[in-house]
Amino acid sequence: MDSRQRMREFIQDNGGRVRFDKFAREHLMNPECGFYSRRADIARNPAQVVTPSRLEEYAVPFSLFVSSVVMTRSQGIQKGKPVVFAEIGGGSGSFKKAFLEHWEFYNNEGLNRNIEYISIDPNPNHRASQSFAGKVVEGTAQRTGLPDRSVDVLFDDEVIDCLPFRIAKFDKNDGRIHYEAFVKAENGGFGVFYDRVEDGEGIRFYERHLKGIGGMRGDCNWSEDYGAYWKESHRILVPGGLRLSADYSTDFMATNQGNGQCGALLEPYEVDLTHFVDFPLQAKIAERSGFMFAEFEEMGKSISEMMGGAPLHCIGRKMIAAIK
């Protein structure tokens, strides 16, 4: 069965139309052919927003920054106990390789801290690429499969923007969301149309957030899986544990529109489908999920300061740090 026919049957089996995030979940995470769950090469991105971890001039200082944060926090862990560092969605394993090279350097300099590196990924091709070191497990951000209170530091680079997202229209006049996007099969292809929003506590929480910040330009993208990921993070982190998440911020674009929507409609299961991340919203959800502290800032600023002021080209990218 070709990909368009498969998606057409999925939509027909779900009443002839599906909310956009349900379309996105099928497109990205179908266990047999999903873009993130099965594809060996995830380089195809019709929006052409480069994942900077593929660029050495970014990947090396970025991994150095994260490894230095983890090494500093490891000093508060009982001697003899390894630092448990878990990465979600590590793809080709390029970050993991650079991180472990930095860690080996620290230990050669006399810091002598063992690390247990756990890679969590739904994609068997990526798990194979990450199997050169540490422990590799099948899982997702929402369901890692790890035990309670088992991780000291949880890390991801561009996972939040990969969560299946809803597309809503916020009315600044009355501070409400009345409409959101749905997908239906039509004329041999797929089309997006807007209909009455499917109500619920989650959409109203997001509505209150948008009202508090004065709305957002363009369509507003958000995922119900944000909360699931933060709750799972809180569950697996030890007390005082740290989550670090890096991604492209909504500040990066003139509107908060998703990337790859047209491509996904034209080529189901075959292309990337992401959205920009509202970091103030992430901080609110983190604290709502039980984290004591959540703060975000421009990545370029943090890493540049650590590198002695050297410029780092990562326009539009921020990192959130949250402590359980």
Protein backbone atom coordinates (compact mmCIF):
# COMPACT_ATOMS: atom_id res chain seq x y z
CA MET A 1 0.00 0.00 0.00
CA ASP A 2 1.43 3.39 -0.93
CA SER A 3 1.75 6.11 1.70
CA ARG A 4 -1.10 8.28 0.39
CA GLN A 5 -3.50 5.36 0.37
CA ARG A 6 -2.44 4.40 3.90
CA MET A 7 -3.13 7.91 5.18
CA ARG A 8 -6.40 8.08 3.28
CA GLU A 9 -7.59 4.88 4.97
CA PHE A 10 -6.47 6.21 8.37
CA ILE A 11 -8.59 9.34 7.91
CA GLN A 12 -11.57 7.39 6.58
CA ASP A 13 -11.36 4.97 9.51
CA ASN A 14 -11.54 7.98 11.86
CA GLY A 15 -14.73 9.49 10.52
CA GLY A 16 -13.48 11.16 7.34
CA ARG A 17 -11.59 13.93 9.12
CA VAL A 18 -9.01 14.08 11.90
CA ARG A 19 -7.78 16.84 14.18
CA PHE A 20 -4.40 18.08 12.96
CA ASP A 21 -2.42 16.60 15.85
CA LYS A 22 -3.93 13.18 15.17
CA PHE A 23 -2.85 13.49 11.54
CA ALA A 24 0.61 14.55 12.74
CA ARG A 25 0.85 11.62 15.17
CA GLU A 26 -0.02 9.15 12.43
CA HIS A 27 2.40 10.81 10.01
CA LEU A 28 5.28 10.91 12.48
CA MET A 29 4.77 7.92 14.75
CA ASN A 30 2.93 5.15 12.88
CA PRO A 31 4.86 2.08 14.13
CA GLU A 32 5.23 0.64 10.63
CA CYS A 33 6.07 3.71 8.54
CA GLY A 34 6.11 6.85 10.71
CA PHE A 35 8.70 9.49 9.84
CA TYR A 36 10.28 9.45 13.32
CA SER A 37 9.45 5.91 14.37
CA ARG A 38 10.83 4.04 11.35
CA ARG A 39 12.69 6.20 8.85
CA ALA A 40 16.44 5.57 8.66
CA ASP A 41 17.30 9.07 7.40
CA ILE A 42 15.37 12.01 8.83
CA ALA A 43 17.29 14.67 6.92
CA ARG A 44 14.37 15.58 4.65
CA ASN A 45 12.91 18.84 5.88
CA PRO A 46 10.85 20.86 3.39
CA ALA A 47 11.08 23.94 5.61
CA GLN A 48 14.89 23.74 5.31
CA VAL A 49 15.48 24.75 8.91
CA VAL A 50 18.79 23.03 9.56
CA THR A 51 19.22 20.93 12.68
CA PRO A 52 22.39 22.63 13.90
CA SER A 53 23.70 19.58 15.79
CA ARG A 54 24.70 18.29 12.34
CA LEU A 55 27.11 21.23 11.99
CA GLU A 56 30.42 20.68 13.73
CA GLU A 57 30.85 24.36 14.55
CA TYR A 58 27.67 24.10 16.60
CA ALA A 59 27.74 20.48 17.80
CA VAL A 60 31.15 20.64 19.49
CA PRO A 61 30.56 23.71 21.72
CA PHE A 62 26.97 22.62 22.38
CA SER A 63 27.99 19.15 23.57
CA LEU A 64 30.83 20.71 25.57
CA PHE A 65 28.36 23.04 27.28
CA VAL A 66 25.95 20.22 28.19
CA SER A 67 28.73 17.90 29.37
CA SER A 68 30.18 20.65 31.55
CA VAL A 69 26.78 21.25 33.16
CA VAL A 70 26.41 17.52 33.83
CA MET A 71 29.96 17.23 35.20
CA THR A 72 29.35 20.16 37.55
CA ARG A 73 26.12 18.63 38.84
CA SER A 74 27.82 15.27 39.25
CA GLN A 75 29.91 16.69 42.07
CA GLY A 76 26.83 16.53 44.28
CA ILE A 77 26.28 12.82 43.60
CA GLN A 78 27.56 10.23 46.04
CA LYS A 79 31.10 9.05 45.31
CA GLY A 80 31.18 5.75 43.47
CA LYS A 81 27.70 6.21 42.05
CA PRO A 82 27.59 6.86 38.29
CA VAL A 83 25.89 9.93 36.90
CA VAL A 84 22.81 8.71 35.04
CA PHE A 85 22.39 10.82 31.90
CA ALA A 86 19.48 10.05 29.56
CA GLU A 87 19.09 11.48 26.07
CA ILE A 88 15.78 11.28 24.21
CA GLY A 89 15.67 11.15 20.41
CA GLY A 90 19.41 11.10 19.76
CA GLY A 91 19.10 10.29 16.05
CA SER A 92 22.45 9.39 14.50
CA GLY A 93 24.24 9.55 17.86
CA SER A 94 26.41 12.53 16.89
CA PHE A 95 25.69 14.40 20.12
CA LYS A 96 26.34 11.27 22.18
CA LYS A 97 29.71 10.71 20.54
CA ALA A 98 30.84 14.31 21.14
CA PHE A 99 29.50 14.32 24.72
CA LEU A 100 31.37 11.13 25.65
CA GLU A 101 34.59 12.46 24.11
CA HIS A 102 34.31 15.53 26.36
CA TRP A 103 33.58 13.31 29.36
CA GLU A 104 36.65 11.20 28.67
CA PHE A 105 38.73 14.38 28.53
CA TYR A 106 37.40 15.49 31.94
CA ASN A 107 38.29 12.13 33.46
CA ASN A 108 41.78 12.21 31.92
CA GLU A 109 42.20 15.56 33.63
CA GLY A 110 41.49 13.91 37.00
CA LEU A 111 37.77 14.54 37.63
CA ASN A 112 37.07 10.79 37.61
CA ARG A 113 33.31 10.52 37.41
CA ASN A 114 31.61 7.50 35.88
CA ILE A 115 28.61 8.08 33.67
CA GLU A 116 25.75 5.83 32.67
CA TYR A 117 24.52 7.11 29.31
CA ILE A 118 21.01 5.96 28.38
CA SER A 119 19.73 6.58 24.85
CA ILE A 120 15.95 6.51 24.39
CA ASP A 121 14.55 6.39 20.87
CA PRO A 122 11.45 4.94 19.18
CA ASN A 123 13.29 4.33 15.90
CA PRO A 124 15.17 1.00 15.56
CA ASN A 125 17.50 2.50 12.93
CA HIS A 126 18.50 5.27 15.32
CA ARG A 127 18.85 2.91 18.25
CA ALA A 128 21.33 0.92 16.15
CA SER A 129 23.27 4.13 15.39
CA GLN A 130 23.40 4.97 19.10
CA SER A 131 24.47 1.49 20.26
CA PHE A 132 28.22 2.18 20.19
CA ALA A 133 28.20 3.03 23.91
CA GLY A 134 26.00 3.03 26.98
CA LYS A 135 22.50 1.60 27.22
CA VAL A 136 19.96 1.96 24.41
CA VAL A 137 16.24 1.47 25.03
CA GLU A 138 13.08 1.77 22.98
CA GLY A 139 10.85 4.59 24.15
CA THR A 140 9.52 8.08 23.56
CA ALA A 141 9.52 11.37 25.44
CA GLN A 142 6.04 10.62 26.74
CA ARG A 143 6.85 7.00 27.67
CA THR A 144 10.53 6.39 28.29
CA GLY A 145 10.11 3.00 29.96
CA LEU A 146 12.64 3.98 32.64
CA PRO A 147 12.05 3.35 36.37
CA ASP A 148 10.86 6.05 38.75
CA ARG A 149 13.57 8.33 40.12
CA SER A 150 16.32 6.70 38.07
CA VAL A 151 17.83 9.61 36.07
CA ASP A 152 20.06 12.48 37.24
CA VAL A 153 19.96 14.54 34.04
CA LEU A 154 17.46 14.23 31.18
CA PHE A 155 18.37 15.87 27.88
CA ASP A 156 16.88 16.41 24.45
CA ASP A 157 17.74 18.49 21.41
CA GLU A 158 14.74 19.26 19.17
CA VAL A 159 12.29 16.79 20.66
CA ILE A 160 9.63 19.25 21.86
CA ASP A 161 9.09 20.54 18.31
CA CYS A 162 8.62 16.97 17.08
CA LEU A 163 5.61 16.28 19.29
CA PRO A 164 2.32 16.03 17.35
CA PHE A 165 0.71 19.45 17.52
CA ARG A 166 -2.67 21.13 17.21
CA ILE A 167 -3.15 24.30 15.16
CA ALA A 168 -5.47 26.87 16.70
CA LYS A 169 -6.72 30.35 15.84
CA PHE A 170 -6.68 32.73 18.80
CA ASP A 171 -9.15 35.61 18.79
CA LYS A 172 -7.45 38.61 20.41
CA ASN A 173 -10.76 40.44 20.66
CA ASP A 174 -12.29 38.11 23.23
CA GLY A 175 -9.19 36.15 24.30
CA ARG A 176 -10.59 32.83 23.15
CA ILE A 177 -9.75 30.00 20.78
CA HIS A 178 -12.81 29.22 18.68
CA TYR A 179 -11.36 27.30 15.74
CA GLU A 180 -8.64 24.76 15.05
CA ALA A 181 -7.31 22.79 12.08
CA PHE A 182 -8.51 19.41 10.84
CA VAL A 183 -7.36 17.27 7.91
CA LYS A 184 -9.57 15.46 5.45
CA ALA A 185 -8.96 13.47 2.27
CA GLU A 186 -10.27 15.22 -0.83
CA ASN A 187 -9.78 15.14 -4.61
CA GLY A 188 -7.15 12.43 -4.35
CA GLY A 189 -5.10 14.43 -1.83
CA PHE A 190 -5.39 15.92 1.64
CA GLY A 191 -6.57 19.32 2.78
CA VAL A 192 -6.58 21.38 5.97
CA PHE A 193 -9.74 23.16 7.03
CA TYR A 194 -10.81 24.97 10.22
CA ASP A 195 -13.76 24.02 12.36
CA ARG A 196 -14.95 24.54 15.92
CA VAL A 197 -12.25 23.78 18.45
CA GLU A 198 -12.54 20.53 20.37
CA ASP A 199 -12.90 21.85 23.90
CA GLY A 200 -11.09 20.61 26.97
CA GLU A 201 -9.00 21.68 29.95
CA GLY A 202 -5.80 21.62 27.88
CA ILE A 203 -7.05 24.01 25.23
CA ARG A 204 -8.39 26.36 27.89
CA PHE A 205 -5.03 26.36 29.69
CA TYR A 206 -3.34 27.28 26.41
CA GLU A 207 -6.00 29.92 25.77
CA ARG A 208 -5.29 31.54 29.16
CA HIS A 209 -1.59 31.52 28.37
CA LEU A 210 -2.11 33.26 25.03
CA LYS A 211 -4.40 35.82 26.63
CA GLY A 212 -1.75 36.50 29.27
CA ILE A 213 0.95 37.22 26.68
CA GLY A 214 -1.37 39.17 24.40
CA GLY A 215 -1.78 36.46 21.79
CA MET A 216 0.62 35.31 19.09
CA ARG A 217 1.02 36.17 15.42
CA GLY A 218 -0.45 33.71 12.96
CA ASP A 219 -1.72 30.25 13.75
CA CYS A 220 -0.87 29.00 17.22
CA ASN A 221 0.72 25.58 17.52
CA TRP A 222 0.77 23.56 20.72
CA SER A 223 0.80 19.91 21.73
CA GLU A 224 -1.13 18.05 24.39
CA ASP A 225 2.00 15.89 24.67
CA TYR A 226 3.91 18.78 26.27
CA GLY A 227 2.30 17.91 29.59
CA ALA A 228 2.84 14.18 29.10
CA TYR A 229 6.56 14.74 28.47
CA TRP A 230 6.98 17.01 31.50
CA LYS A 231 5.13 14.56 33.76
CA GLU A 232 7.23 11.66 32.48
CA SER A 233 10.37 13.75 33.05
CA HIS A 234 9.30 14.47 36.62
CA ARG A 235 8.61 10.77 37.22
CA ILE A 236 12.00 9.44 36.08
CA LEU A 237 14.22 12.20 37.50
CA VAL A 238 15.68 11.87 40.99
CA PRO A 239 14.81 14.62 43.50
CA GLY A 240 16.88 17.60 42.46
CA GLY A 241 17.31 16.10 38.98
CA LEU A 242 17.70 18.33 35.93
CA ARG A 243 15.99 18.38 32.53
CA LEU A 244 17.60 20.29 29.66
CA SER A 245 15.69 20.82 26.41
CA ALA A 246 16.94 22.80 23.40
CA ASP A 247 14.84 23.87 20.44
CA TYR A 248 13.86 26.62 18.03
CA SER A 249 11.80 29.32 19.72
CA THR A 250 8.67 30.99 18.37
CA ASP A 251 10.81 34.15 18.35
CA PHE A 252 12.64 32.70 15.34
CA MET A 253 9.77 33.25 12.89
CA ALA A 254 7.41 36.10 12.16
CA THR A 255 4.51 33.75 12.83
CA ASN A 256 4.06 30.68 14.99
CA GLN A 257 3.33 28.42 12.04
CA GLY A 258 4.52 24.84 11.76
CA ASN A 259 7.23 23.58 9.42
CA GLY A 260 6.49 21.05 6.73
CA GLN A 261 2.68 21.09 6.82
CA CYS A 262 2.37 21.25 3.05
CA GLY A 263 5.02 18.59 2.60
CA ALA A 264 3.28 16.26 5.03
CA LEU A 265 0.00 16.67 3.17
CA LEU A 266 1.69 15.94 -0.16
CA GLU A 267 3.90 13.10 1.09
CA PRO A 268 2.45 11.39 4.18
CA TYR A 269 5.06 9.63 6.36
CA GLU A 270 7.90 10.88 4.14
CA VAL A 271 8.91 14.37 5.35
CA ASP A 272 9.54 16.22 8.58
CA LEU A 273 6.70 18.01 10.37
CA THR A 274 7.66 20.29 13.24
CA HIS A 275 6.65 23.51 14.96
CA PHE A 276 8.38 26.31 16.85
CA VAL A 277 8.41 26.17 20.64
CA ASP A 278 6.79 28.67 23.01
CA PHE A 279 9.31 28.60 25.86
CA PRO A 280 7.28 30.65 28.37
CA LEU A 281 4.52 28.07 27.92
CA GLN A 282 7.03 25.24 28.50
CA ALA A 283 8.13 26.85 31.77
CA LYS A 284 4.53 27.11 32.96
CA ILE A 285 3.82 23.46 32.14
CA ALA A 286 7.04 22.36 33.85
CA GLU A 287 6.05 24.07 37.09
CA ARG A 288 2.50 22.81 36.71
CA SER A 289 3.97 19.27 36.45
CA GLY A 290 5.77 19.58 39.79
CA PHE A 291 9.17 21.05 38.91
CA MET A 292 10.50 23.47 41.51
CA PHE A 293 12.22 25.70 38.98
CA ALA A 294 12.14 26.25 35.21
CA GLU A 295 14.05 28.92 33.32
CA PHE A 296 15.05 29.44 29.68
CA GLU A 297 17.44 31.65 27.78
CA GLU A 298 19.12 32.11 24.41
CA MET A 299 21.54 29.26 23.81
CA GLY A 300 24.04 31.46 22.05
CA LYS A 301 24.42 33.61 25.14
CA SER A 302 24.97 30.71 27.56
CA ILE A 303 27.40 28.79 25.39
CA SER A 304 29.27 31.89 24.24
CA GLU A 305 29.89 32.90 27.86
CA MET A 306 31.29 29.45 28.63
CA MET A 307 33.53 29.65 25.53
CA GLY A 308 35.02 32.95 26.66
CA GLY A 309 32.85 35.14 24.49
CA ALA A 310 33.34 33.29 21.21
CA PRO A 311 30.27 33.77 18.99
CA LEU A 312 27.99 30.80 18.40
CA HIS A 313 25.62 30.85 15.47
CA CYS A 314 22.38 29.30 16.70
CA ILE A 315 19.82 31.96 15.83
CA GLY A 316 16.41 31.42 17.33
CA ARG A 317 17.42 28.55 19.59
CA LYS A 318 16.77 28.51 23.33
CA MET A 319 17.29 26.04 26.13
CA ILE A 320 15.05 25.42 29.11
CA ALA A 321 16.48 24.06 32.36
CA ALA A 322 14.08 22.64 34.95
CA ILE A 323 14.89 21.20 38.38
CA LYS A 324 12.69 18.66 40.09
